[in-house]
Amino acid sequence: MSDTATVFNQHTAARPAAGSTDRPPPVQHICVVGGGTAGWMTALMLATSAYGPRLKVTVLESPQVGIIGVGEGSTPWLRGFFDGLGIEEAEWMPACNATYKAGITFEGWSTKPGFERYFHPFASMLDNMTMHQFVDNVHARLEGADVHAHPDRFFIAAALARQGRGPRAQANFPFDVWYGYHFDSTLLGQFLARKAVERGVTHTARHVTQTLLNERGDIGHLQLDDGSRLAADFFIDCTGFASLLIGQALQTPFVSYAENLFNDAAIALPTPLTGAIESQTTATALRHGWAWKIPLTNRHGNGYVYSRAHCSPDQAETELRAHLGLLDADVPARHLQMRVGRMSQIWNRNCVSVGLSQGFIEPLEATALLFVQRTAGAFVEALEAGDLGTAAQARFNEDMRTRFENTRDYIVAHYKTNSRTDTEYWRANADNLHLSDSLQGVLMTWLSRKPLAAGLKQGRFGQGYPIVSWYALLAGMGIFPEGDDLQPPTPHQARHRLDTVDDFIRRSAMNFPDHRALLADIPPRVGDKTLQLYLW
């Protein structure tokens, strides 16, 4: 099977459970504490498990606690979530001001001539026609040949974003692009809440005043602000960075990633939508972090993720306003603090933490909702297997630890490979030596001019992201011999005709509509067999 097909299969596997079982559930009542996108997504996945209405699911949502809601992007896994629930894009996307996302453009992370920006594409089956040319040229350039090896030229997703096209092809073009979305996270949480209640989830609007443990040390019940108590067999902590259950009540240790991910704060600032609606997130390097730009149907979501150790919140806000041309504008900004890392046990006793309560890796690759989906999906699998014992808990925690660390490594690689020298922030990131063995394996293999494929496939390093992502990152940042050291290519090194690649990408892109036009008339998706036809 091709590498791209492997990516697709991994994405399609992360779907809510289907079917039913005659076995009684191992627990009768699960309480999800906290709403928002994390809480309601988890509740929906529990409510649509194989146990159906025999499993009681309650969402306890405090009316006193605000939701961290901004313009947000997703990975392609979210598509599988909605498909699995049978919810059409034409229903949920307009309700959440959502747009399509073909990938992420990185601006200004590299100072290498010709590599000042690059696009991280989401996979497509069309990549099978151009990936080998890209990889061959990458290795020829690593060997010192002056050949074109910038990723943007080789992938259909990059062309779609460049041209303002939506990543859903016309019906007569049976090749899929595995896309993500941009959306208003507050509106998405509200939409999921409505769907969850429709599917039998109980919604209780009360504030937790105390979490009481039983004689075994498990969570027994919650004391509420009206004097009542809420008991359940199992609890899901979706209380955000407060980690009310997993952290405060169960005293689960937190594992910080601060030594290699410096950013610990963010500022959000919306701006009006002007011009075309892009099908990409833009991540622009600033002096002490990076700025996001996320297109919604009604506005742009903007923000600045930065390190408080390198600049103050006021300095960061001034820099963001200057970046957006809003120094004199009376537009309020929201300041947020981030705790980057993970819980040492994401499942502890009779509690699983989901969302910000379990941990957070900064939003550079839009992995927050991905971890909600992965965590809730893994717990539903354990639940449906009828095994919530210590062995299942240990396997779950080890899987989550690995997923967090693999994602962390890919994010760290962006900072480690930057070539900016304008501030101490960027110099400290480039000089960072707190790298995992896995990430060191990726970088050492690349710098030794060896292919990454074998190490990735054998699991020796770089797990969690596919080959195309690692090659796009390292080539896109221009991690090659300097221009003066490049030599004219040999006939073998120059064997690929890039005009043929250009023509293939150009003609393929013609089958994808303008993004704004696609959003105005979103076709049905549920039941679409295009993806499956080209995977099996």
Protein backbone atom coordinates (compact mmCIF):
# COMPACT_ATOMS: atom_id res chain seq x y z
CA MET A 1 0.00 0.00 0.00
CA SER A 2 1.25 3.50 -0.77
CA ASP A 3 2.28 5.96 1.92
CA THR A 4 -0.59 8.26 1.02
CA ALA A 5 -3.08 5.42 1.27
CA THR A 6 -1.69 4.63 4.70
CA VAL A 7 -2.39 8.20 5.76
CA PHE A 8 -5.98 7.91 4.56
CA ASN A 9 -6.53 4.63 6.37
CA GLN A 10 -5.20 6.06 9.62
CA HIS A 11 -7.58 9.00 9.33
CA THR A 12 -10.65 6.98 8.45
CA ALA A 13 -10.05 4.67 11.41
CA ALA A 14 -10.82 7.45 13.93
CA ARG A 15 -14.60 7.35 13.77
CA PRO A 16 -17.34 6.96 16.35
CA ALA A 17 -18.35 3.38 16.96
CA ALA A 18 -21.17 1.87 15.00
CA GLY A 19 -23.41 -1.15 15.48
CA SER A 20 -24.73 -2.58 18.73
CA THR A 21 -24.02 -5.28 21.27
CA ASP A 22 -26.17 -7.42 23.57
CA ARG A 23 -23.62 -7.20 26.39
CA PRO A 24 -24.51 -4.92 29.27
CA PRO A 25 -22.22 -1.89 29.54
CA PRO A 26 -19.45 -2.19 32.15
CA VAL A 27 -20.75 1.05 33.69
CA GLN A 28 -24.31 2.36 33.70
CA HIS A 29 -23.82 6.10 33.98
CA ILE A 30 -21.02 8.34 32.67
CA CYS A 31 -20.89 12.00 33.63
CA VAL A 32 -19.03 14.41 31.34
CA VAL A 33 -18.00 17.41 33.43
CA GLY A 34 -17.63 20.49 31.24
CA GLY A 35 -19.19 21.36 27.90
CA GLY A 36 -17.58 23.14 25.00
CA THR A 37 -16.35 21.28 21.96
CA ALA A 38 -14.46 18.67 24.00
CA GLY A 39 -17.34 17.83 26.32
CA TRP A 40 -20.05 17.64 23.73
CA MET A 41 -17.95 15.75 21.20
CA THR A 42 -17.14 13.16 23.86
CA ALA A 43 -20.79 12.92 24.91
CA LEU A 44 -21.87 12.34 21.31
CA MET A 45 -19.32 9.57 20.85
CA LEU A 46 -20.48 7.90 24.08
CA ALA A 47 -24.15 8.27 23.15
CA THR A 48 -23.58 6.64 19.76
CA SER A 49 -21.50 3.77 21.14
CA ALA A 50 -22.61 0.19 20.67
CA TYR A 51 -24.55 0.34 23.96
CA GLY A 52 -26.89 3.04 22.69
CA PRO A 53 -29.56 4.20 25.18
CA ARG A 54 -28.57 1.54 27.75
CA LEU A 55 -25.65 3.80 28.68
CA LYS A 56 -26.74 6.95 30.47
CA VAL A 57 -24.64 9.99 29.54
CA THR A 58 -24.91 13.27 31.42
CA VAL A 59 -23.11 16.50 30.55
CA LEU A 60 -22.67 18.72 33.58
CA GLU A 61 -21.94 22.20 32.27
CA SER A 62 -21.33 25.16 34.54
CA PRO A 63 -23.15 28.35 33.51
CA GLN A 64 -20.46 30.27 35.44
CA VAL A 65 -17.43 29.09 33.46
CA GLY A 66 -16.59 30.69 30.13
CA ILE A 67 -15.52 28.69 27.09
CA ILE A 68 -12.19 29.34 25.34
CA GLY A 69 -13.76 29.87 21.93
CA VAL A 70 -11.84 31.31 18.98
CA GLY A 71 -11.57 30.76 15.27
CA GLU A 72 -10.05 27.29 15.15
CA GLY A 73 -8.69 24.87 12.57
CA SER A 74 -8.83 21.08 12.48
CA THR A 75 -6.95 18.17 11.03
CA PRO A 76 -8.74 15.90 8.51
CA TRP A 77 -9.82 13.53 11.30
CA LEU A 78 -12.82 15.76 12.03
CA ARG A 79 -14.29 14.80 8.68
CA GLY A 80 -14.46 11.16 9.80
CA PHE A 81 -16.17 12.20 13.03
CA PHE A 82 -19.07 13.89 11.23
CA ASP A 83 -19.30 11.16 8.60
CA GLY A 84 -19.54 8.54 11.33
CA LEU A 85 -22.42 10.41 12.96
CA GLY A 86 -24.22 10.87 9.65
CA ILE A 87 -24.10 14.67 9.91
CA GLU A 88 -23.77 16.44 6.59
CA GLU A 89 -21.36 19.31 6.02
CA ALA A 90 -24.25 21.31 4.59
CA GLU A 91 -25.87 21.16 8.04
CA TRP A 92 -23.03 21.80 10.48
CA MET A 93 -20.66 24.04 8.49
CA PRO A 94 -23.03 27.03 7.94
CA ALA A 95 -24.10 26.77 11.59
CA CYS A 96 -20.47 27.19 12.68
CA ASN A 97 -19.30 29.70 10.04
CA ALA A 98 -17.00 26.93 8.85
CA THR A 99 -14.72 26.81 5.82
CA TYR A 100 -12.57 24.11 4.24
CA LYS A 101 -8.88 23.67 4.97
CA ALA A 102 -6.40 22.06 2.56
CA GLY A 103 -3.37 22.63 4.79
CA ILE A 104 -1.19 25.25 6.47
CA THR A 105 1.11 27.90 5.03
CA PHE A 106 4.18 28.78 7.13
CA GLU A 107 5.42 32.30 6.53
CA GLY A 108 8.79 33.63 7.66
CA TRP A 109 10.02 30.65 9.69
CA SER A 110 12.99 30.24 7.39
CA THR A 111 15.38 32.84 6.04
CA LYS A 112 16.85 30.50 3.41
CA PRO A 113 16.53 32.11 -0.05
CA GLY A 114 13.61 30.53 -1.89
CA PHE A 115 12.32 28.83 1.27
CA GLU A 116 10.85 31.80 3.17
CA ARG A 117 7.44 30.16 3.04
CA TYR A 118 6.07 26.68 2.47
CA PHE A 119 2.78 24.80 2.59
CA HIS A 120 2.10 21.69 4.69
CA PRO A 121 -0.43 19.80 2.52
CA PHE A 122 -3.12 17.41 3.60
CA ALA A 123 -2.85 14.15 1.72
CA SER A 124 -4.53 13.28 -1.57
CA MET A 125 -4.57 10.15 -3.68
CA LEU A 126 -3.26 12.41 -6.45
CA ASP A 127 -0.02 12.73 -4.47
CA ASN A 128 0.87 9.21 -5.60
CA MET A 129 1.54 10.76 -9.02
CA THR A 130 3.99 13.41 -7.74
CA MET A 131 5.40 12.28 -4.39
CA HIS A 132 8.24 10.21 -5.82
CA GLN A 133 9.44 13.10 -8.01
CA PHE A 134 9.46 15.34 -4.93
CA VAL A 135 11.37 12.85 -2.76
CA ASP A 136 13.88 12.11 -5.54
CA ASN A 137 14.57 15.82 -5.98
CA VAL A 138 14.87 16.31 -2.21
CA HIS A 139 17.58 13.68 -2.00
CA ALA A 140 19.34 14.99 -5.08
CA ARG A 141 19.45 18.44 -3.47
CA LEU A 142 20.66 16.95 -0.16
CA GLU A 143 23.50 15.42 -2.19
CA GLY A 144 24.39 18.89 -3.49
CA ALA A 145 22.54 19.00 -6.81
CA ASP A 146 20.89 22.28 -7.77
CA VAL A 147 17.40 20.87 -8.46
CA HIS A 148 13.99 22.20 -7.43
CA ALA A 149 12.94 20.61 -4.13
CA HIS A 150 10.43 23.03 -2.62
CA PRO A 151 7.28 21.07 -1.64
CA ASP A 152 4.71 23.62 -2.87
CA ARG A 153 5.24 22.66 -6.50
CA PHE A 154 4.44 18.97 -6.04
CA PHE A 155 1.12 18.71 -4.17
CA ILE A 156 -2.44 19.35 -5.27
CA ALA A 157 -3.46 20.72 -1.84
CA ALA A 158 -0.89 23.51 -2.14
CA ALA A 159 -2.25 24.47 -5.56
CA LEU A 160 -5.83 24.53 -4.26
CA ALA A 161 -4.89 26.83 -1.40
CA ARG A 162 -2.86 29.05 -3.71
CA GLN A 163 -5.75 29.40 -6.15
CA GLY A 164 -8.49 29.87 -3.54
CA ARG A 165 -10.19 26.61 -4.46
CA GLY A 166 -12.15 24.35 -2.14
CA PRO A 167 -10.72 20.85 -1.59
CA ARG A 168 -13.87 19.01 -2.75
CA ALA A 169 -13.73 17.99 -6.38
CA GLN A 170 -16.58 18.01 -8.83
CA ALA A 171 -18.62 14.82 -8.95
CA ASN A 172 -17.03 13.65 -12.22
CA PHE A 173 -13.50 13.75 -10.73
CA PRO A 174 -13.14 10.65 -8.51
CA PHE A 175 -10.00 11.67 -6.62
CA ASP A 176 -10.24 12.84 -3.07
CA VAL A 177 -8.29 15.36 -1.02
CA TRP A 178 -8.30 14.62 2.68
CA TYR A 179 -9.22 18.05 4.01
CA GLY A 180 -9.87 19.67 7.37
CA TYR A 181 -11.98 22.63 8.42
CA HIS A 182 -11.90 26.08 10.01
CA PHE A 183 -14.79 26.95 12.35
CA ASP A 184 -15.95 29.08 15.25
CA SER A 185 -15.25 26.79 18.20
CA THR A 186 -18.00 28.28 20.38
CA LEU A 187 -20.59 27.73 17.65
CA LEU A 188 -19.32 24.19 17.07
CA GLY A 189 -19.73 23.39 20.77
CA GLN A 190 -23.29 24.70 20.66
CA PHE A 191 -24.09 22.67 17.53
CA LEU A 192 -22.71 19.47 19.08
CA ALA A 193 -24.70 20.15 22.26
CA ARG A 194 -27.94 20.27 20.29
CA LYS A 195 -27.08 17.04 18.49
CA ALA A 196 -26.09 15.28 21.70
CA VAL A 197 -29.33 16.20 23.46
CA GLU A 198 -31.29 15.03 20.40
CA ARG A 199 -29.52 11.68 20.74
CA GLY A 200 -30.40 11.18 24.38
CA VAL A 201 -27.65 12.94 26.34
CA THR A 202 -28.84 14.61 29.56
CA HIS A 203 -27.75 18.23 29.99
CA THR A 204 -27.45 19.62 33.53
CA ALA A 205 -26.50 23.28 33.95
CA ARG A 206 -24.93 23.46 37.39
CA HIS A 207 -21.61 24.49 38.93
CA VAL A 208 -19.43 21.97 40.76
CA THR A 209 -18.47 23.19 44.24
CA GLN A 210 -16.68 20.04 45.44
CA THR A 211 -15.52 16.68 44.13
CA LEU A 212 -15.91 13.92 46.71
CA LEU A 213 -13.93 10.68 46.60
CA ASN A 214 -15.21 7.35 47.90
CA GLU A 215 -13.44 4.95 50.24
CA ARG A 216 -11.48 3.41 47.32
CA GLY A 217 -10.12 6.79 46.25
CA ASP A 218 -12.32 6.95 43.14
CA ILE A 219 -14.61 9.88 42.36
CA GLY A 220 -17.88 9.13 44.12
CA HIS A 221 -20.05 12.13 43.43
CA LEU A 222 -20.03 15.86 42.73
CA GLN A 223 -21.42 18.49 45.06
CA LEU A 224 -23.37 21.10 43.06
CA ASP A 225 -24.09 24.74 43.74
CA ASP A 226 -27.80 24.12 44.44
CA GLY A 227 -26.95 21.73 47.28
CA SER A 228 -27.65 18.58 45.28
CA ARG A 229 -25.23 15.77 44.51
CA LEU A 230 -24.56 14.08 41.20
CA ALA A 231 -23.25 10.52 41.29
CA ALA A 232 -22.01 8.43 38.36
CA ASP A 233 -19.99 5.28 37.75
CA PHE A 234 -17.41 7.02 35.56
CA PHE A 235 -16.41 10.63 34.93
CA ILE A 236 -14.95 12.46 31.93
CA ASP A 237 -13.03 15.61 32.85
CA CYS A 238 -13.58 18.32 30.23
CA THR A 239 -12.99 21.25 32.59
CA GLY A 240 -10.18 22.81 30.57
CA PHE A 241 -6.87 23.90 32.05
CA ALA A 242 -8.48 23.84 35.53
CA SER A 243 -8.46 20.00 35.37
CA LEU A 244 -11.04 19.98 38.15
CA LEU A 245 -11.28 16.19 38.42
CA ILE A 246 -8.11 14.63 37.02
CA GLY A 247 -5.80 17.30 38.42
CA GLN A 248 -7.37 18.86 41.49
CA ALA A 249 -9.43 15.97 42.89
CA LEU A 250 -7.25 13.00 41.88
CA GLN A 251 -3.94 14.89 42.16
CA THR A 252 -2.59 13.46 38.88
CA PRO A 253 0.91 14.83 38.18
CA PHE A 254 1.36 17.06 35.14
CA VAL A 255 4.25 16.52 32.69
CA SER A 256 5.40 19.86 31.31
CA TYR A 257 6.79 20.32 27.80
CA ALA A 258 8.08 23.81 28.58
CA GLU A 259 11.74 22.86 28.08
CA ASN A 260 11.22 22.39 24.35
CA LEU A 261 7.97 24.25 23.60
CA PHE A 262 8.46 27.79 24.88
CA ASN A 263 5.10 29.35 24.01
CA ASP A 264 2.74 29.68 26.97
CA ALA A 265 0.31 32.47 26.04
CA ALA A 266 -1.86 33.66 23.18
CA ILE A 267 -3.85 36.69 22.06
CA ALA A 268 -6.97 36.41 19.89
CA LEU A 269 -8.15 39.30 17.74
CA PRO A 270 -10.82 39.03 15.00
CA THR A 271 -10.79 41.09 11.80
CA PRO A 272 -13.38 41.52 9.03
CA LEU A 273 -13.38 39.10 6.14
CA THR A 274 -12.19 40.73 2.93
CA GLY A 275 -11.39 39.28 -0.45
CA ALA A 276 -11.35 35.58 -1.27
CA ILE A 277 -12.00 32.95 1.41
CA GLU A 278 -8.75 31.01 1.59
CA SER A 279 -8.73 27.24 2.08
CA GLN A 280 -5.69 27.35 4.33
CA THR A 281 -4.51 28.40 7.75
CA THR A 282 -1.57 30.82 7.71
CA ALA A 283 1.07 30.67 10.47
CA THR A 284 3.36 33.72 10.25
CA ALA A 285 6.51 33.92 12.35
CA LEU A 286 6.72 37.09 14.45
CA ARG A 287 9.43 38.24 16.87
CA HIS A 288 8.52 36.05 19.85
CA GLY A 289 6.21 33.42 18.40
CA TRP A 290 3.81 33.17 15.50
CA ALA A 291 0.50 34.61 14.34
CA TRP A 292 -2.41 32.56 13.04
CA LYS A 293 -4.90 33.63 10.38
CA ILE A 294 -8.00 31.48 10.04
CA PRO A 295 -10.69 32.31 7.47
CA LEU A 296 -14.30 31.82 8.55
CA THR A 297 -17.32 32.70 6.43
CA ASN A 298 -18.00 35.88 8.45
CA ARG A 299 -14.54 37.04 9.64
CA HIS A 300 -10.90 36.19 10.03
CA GLY A 301 -9.77 34.66 13.30
CA ASN A 302 -6.33 36.02 14.17
CA GLY A 303 -4.03 35.48 17.07
CA TYR A 304 -0.48 35.47 18.37
CA VAL A 305 1.03 32.48 20.19
CA TYR A 306 4.09 33.67 22.09
CA SER A 307 6.48 33.09 24.99
CA ARG A 308 6.01 35.24 28.10
CA ALA A 309 9.63 34.55 28.98
CA HIS A 310 10.64 36.58 25.90
CA CYS A 311 8.07 39.39 25.79
CA SER A 312 5.25 40.84 27.90
CA PRO A 313 1.56 40.52 27.03
CA ASP A 314 1.42 44.23 26.20
CA GLN A 315 4.41 43.94 23.87
CA ALA A 316 2.84 40.91 22.21
CA GLU A 317 -0.48 42.68 21.69
CA THR A 318 1.26 45.70 20.18
CA GLU A 319 3.17 43.45 17.80
CA LEU A 320 0.02 41.59 16.76
CA ARG A 321 -1.87 44.84 16.18
CA ALA A 322 1.01 46.14 14.06
CA HIS A 323 1.04 42.89 12.09
CA LEU A 324 -2.70 43.26 11.40
CA GLY A 325 -2.58 47.03 10.78
CA LEU A 326 -4.75 47.67 13.84
CA LEU A 327 -2.52 49.85 16.00
CA ASP A 328 -5.12 52.62 16.07
CA ALA A 329 -8.21 50.41 15.89
CA ASP A 330 -10.54 50.02 18.87
CA VAL A 331 -10.88 46.25 18.56
CA PRO A 332 -10.66 44.37 21.88
CA ALA A 333 -8.17 41.52 22.19
CA ARG A 334 -8.50 38.42 24.35
CA HIS A 335 -5.46 37.26 26.32
CA LEU A 336 -5.14 33.55 27.06
CA GLN A 337 -2.59 31.53 29.01
CA MET A 338 -1.61 28.00 28.00
CA ARG A 339 -0.28 25.06 29.96
CA VAL A 340 1.74 23.01 27.49
CA GLY A 341 2.26 19.36 28.34
CA ARG A 342 0.10 16.43 29.43
CA MET A 343 -1.21 14.58 32.44
CA SER A 344 1.00 11.68 33.49
CA GLN A 345 -2.16 9.55 33.48
CA ILE A 346 -4.93 10.68 31.17
CA TRP A 347 -7.06 7.86 32.59
CA ASN A 348 -6.75 7.78 36.38
CA ARG A 349 -9.08 5.61 38.48
CA ASN A 350 -12.66 6.18 37.26
CA CYS A 351 -11.86 9.34 35.35
CA VAL A 352 -10.61 10.07 31.83
CA SER A 353 -9.51 13.60 30.97
CA VAL A 354 -10.36 14.95 27.51
CA GLY A 355 -9.41 18.26 25.91
CA LEU A 356 -7.40 20.92 27.71
CA SER A 357 -7.75 19.05 31.01
CA GLN A 358 -5.67 16.16 29.65
CA GLY A 359 -2.96 18.32 28.15
CA PHE A 360 -2.23 20.70 25.34
CA ILE A 361 0.34 21.02 22.61
CA GLU A 362 0.34 24.51 21.20
CA PRO A 363 -2.01 25.13 18.25
CA LEU A 364 0.61 25.20 15.47
CA GLU A 365 -0.71 22.08 13.68
CA ALA A 366 -4.31 22.30 15.00
CA THR A 367 -4.08 19.14 17.09
CA ALA A 368 -6.32 20.14 20.04
CA LEU A 369 -9.54 18.73 18.59
CA LEU A 370 -7.65 15.77 17.19
CA PHE A 371 -6.67 14.76 20.73
CA VAL A 372 -10.29 15.11 21.87
CA GLN A 373 -11.35 12.77 19.11
CA ARG A 374 -8.52 10.29 19.66
CA THR A 375 -8.98 10.17 23.42
CA ALA A 376 -12.75 9.86 23.40
CA GLY A 377 -12.56 7.29 20.60
CA ALA A 378 -10.00 5.17 22.46
CA PHE A 379 -12.12 5.22 25.62
CA VAL A 380 -15.24 4.22 23.67
CA GLU A 381 -13.28 1.28 22.26
CA ALA A 382 -12.31 0.16 25.76
CA LEU A 383 -15.88 0.63 26.92
CA GLU A 384 -17.28 -1.45 24.07
CA ALA A 385 -14.74 -4.17 24.77
CA GLY A 386 -16.27 -4.38 28.24
CA ASP A 387 -12.91 -3.91 29.93
CA LEU A 388 -12.24 -0.90 32.13
CA GLY A 389 -9.70 -2.70 34.31
CA THR A 390 -6.15 -1.77 35.20
CA ALA A 391 -4.59 -3.47 32.15
CA ALA A 392 -6.91 -1.60 29.75
CA GLN A 393 -6.16 1.62 31.61
CA ALA A 394 -2.40 1.06 31.31
CA ARG A 395 -2.65 0.38 27.56
CA PHE A 396 -4.78 3.49 27.11
CA ASN A 397 -2.34 5.71 29.02
CA GLU A 398 0.66 4.35 27.15
CA ASP A 399 -1.05 4.94 23.81
CA MET A 400 -1.96 8.51 24.78
CA ARG A 401 1.57 9.20 26.06
CA THR A 402 3.02 8.03 22.76
CA ARG A 403 0.57 10.10 20.73
CA PHE A 404 1.33 13.24 22.75
CA GLU A 405 5.07 12.80 22.47
CA ASN A 406 4.96 12.04 18.74
CA THR A 407 2.91 15.17 18.10
CA ARG A 408 5.17 17.23 20.36
CA ASP A 409 8.20 16.11 18.35
CA TYR A 410 6.70 17.22 15.05
CA ILE A 411 5.82 20.63 16.51
CA VAL A 412 9.27 21.03 18.08
CA ALA A 413 10.84 20.28 14.69
CA HIS A 414 9.33 23.51 13.29
CA TYR A 415 11.13 25.56 15.92
CA LYS A 416 14.38 23.61 15.93
CA THR A 417 14.82 23.99 12.17
CA ASN A 418 14.05 27.72 12.00
CA SER A 419 16.85 29.90 10.63
CA ARG A 420 15.82 33.27 12.09
CA THR A 421 18.37 35.13 14.19
CA ASP A 422 16.53 38.40 14.81
CA THR A 423 15.52 37.70 18.44
CA GLU A 424 16.67 35.61 21.37
CA TYR A 425 13.40 33.65 21.11
CA TRP A 426 14.23 32.23 17.69
CA ARG A 427 17.91 31.72 18.53
CA ALA A 428 16.96 29.80 21.68
CA ASN A 429 14.58 27.58 19.69
CA ALA A 430 17.27 26.77 17.12
CA ASP A 431 19.78 26.04 19.91
CA ASN A 432 17.36 23.85 21.88
CA LEU A 433 18.99 20.52 22.78
CA HIS A 434 16.03 19.06 24.70
CA LEU A 435 15.07 16.76 21.84
CA SER A 436 13.69 13.24 22.08
CA ASP A 437 15.64 10.32 20.65
CA SER A 438 12.95 10.01 17.99
CA LEU A 439 13.28 13.59 16.80
CA GLN A 440 17.06 13.36 16.88
CA GLY A 441 16.73 10.27 14.69
CA VAL A 442 14.70 12.17 12.09
CA LEU A 443 17.08 15.13 11.98
CA MET A 444 20.27 13.05 11.97
CA THR A 445 18.93 10.85 9.17
CA TRP A 446 18.01 13.91 7.11
CA LEU A 447 21.35 15.63 7.67
CA SER A 448 23.19 12.43 6.80
CA ARG A 449 21.31 12.54 3.46
CA LYS A 450 19.56 9.21 3.99
CA PRO A 451 15.90 8.52 3.16
CA LEU A 452 13.44 8.83 6.04
CA ALA A 453 11.06 6.16 4.75
CA ALA A 454 12.69 3.10 6.32
CA GLY A 455 12.99 4.62 9.80
CA LEU A 456 9.42 5.91 9.72
CA LYS A 457 7.94 2.63 8.50
CA GLN A 458 9.94 0.57 11.00
CA GLY A 459 8.89 2.81 13.87
CA ARG A 460 12.45 3.82 14.76
CA PHE A 461 11.60 7.53 14.71
CA GLY A 462 9.08 10.14 13.57
CA GLN A 463 5.89 8.28 14.40
CA GLY A 464 2.57 10.11 14.42
CA TYR A 465 3.06 11.99 11.15
CA PRO A 466 3.36 10.52 7.64
CA ILE A 467 6.34 10.75 5.33
CA VAL A 468 4.82 13.57 3.29
CA SER A 469 4.56 15.76 6.41
CA TRP A 470 8.18 15.25 7.46
CA TYR A 471 9.48 15.86 3.93
CA ALA A 472 7.30 18.95 3.50
CA LEU A 473 8.56 20.40 6.78
CA LEU A 474 12.27 19.75 6.35
CA ALA A 475 12.38 20.60 2.65
CA GLY A 476 10.03 23.56 3.12
CA MET A 477 12.35 25.04 5.75
CA GLY A 478 15.22 24.72 3.26
CA ILE A 479 17.32 22.24 5.26
CA PHE A 480 19.71 21.69 2.35
CA PRO A 481 23.31 22.56 1.49
CA GLU A 482 23.77 26.30 1.04
CA GLY A 483 23.29 27.72 -2.44
CA ASP A 484 27.00 28.29 -3.01
CA ASP A 485 27.63 24.60 -2.34
CA LEU A 486 25.15 23.36 -4.93
CA GLN A 487 26.38 21.93 -8.23
CA PRO A 488 24.65 21.39 -11.57
CA PRO A 489 22.73 18.10 -11.42
CA THR A 490 23.76 14.97 -13.25
CA PRO A 491 21.36 13.67 -15.90
CA HIS A 492 20.09 11.09 -13.38
CA GLN A 493 19.49 13.74 -10.71
CA ALA A 494 17.62 15.91 -13.23
CA ARG A 495 15.60 13.04 -14.69
CA HIS A 496 12.16 14.33 -13.62
CA ARG A 497 10.43 16.80 -15.90
CA LEU A 498 8.87 19.39 -13.65
CA ASP A 499 6.84 20.88 -16.47
CA THR A 500 4.99 17.55 -16.53
CA VAL A 501 4.38 17.81 -12.76
CA ASP A 502 3.19 21.39 -13.21
CA ASP A 503 0.78 20.37 -15.95
CA PHE A 504 -0.63 17.49 -13.89
CA ILE A 505 -1.21 19.72 -10.87
CA ARG A 506 -2.69 22.51 -13.00
CA ARG A 507 -5.14 20.26 -14.81
CA SER A 508 -6.11 18.39 -11.65
CA ALA A 509 -6.82 21.66 -9.83
CA MET A 510 -9.29 22.67 -12.55
CA ASN A 511 -11.67 20.02 -11.18
CA PHE A 512 -12.01 21.78 -7.83
CA PRO A 513 -14.42 24.74 -7.42
CA ASP A 514 -13.83 28.21 -6.07
CA HIS A 515 -13.89 27.99 -2.29
CA ARG A 516 -16.57 30.64 -1.78
CA ALA A 517 -18.79 29.02 -4.42
CA LEU A 518 -18.38 25.62 -2.76
CA LEU A 519 -19.37 27.05 0.62
CA ALA A 520 -22.51 28.55 -0.94
CA ASP A 521 -23.65 25.15 -2.24
CA ILE A 522 -22.13 22.32 -0.21
CA PRO A 523 -22.96 18.94 -1.79
CA PRO A 524 -23.85 15.83 0.25
CA ARG A 525 -20.98 13.82 1.75
CA VAL A 526 -22.44 11.02 3.86
CA GLY A 527 -22.49 7.86 1.80
CA ASP A 528 -19.85 9.18 -0.61
CA LYS A 529 -17.77 6.16 -1.68
CA THR A 530 -15.00 8.01 -3.53
CA LEU A 531 -12.49 7.70 -0.71
CA GLN A 532 -13.10 4.02 -0.04
CA LEU A 533 -12.90 3.11 -3.72
CA TYR A 534 -9.33 4.35 -3.92
CA LEU A 535 -8.08 2.86 -0.69
CA TRP A 536 -8.89 -0.82 -0.75
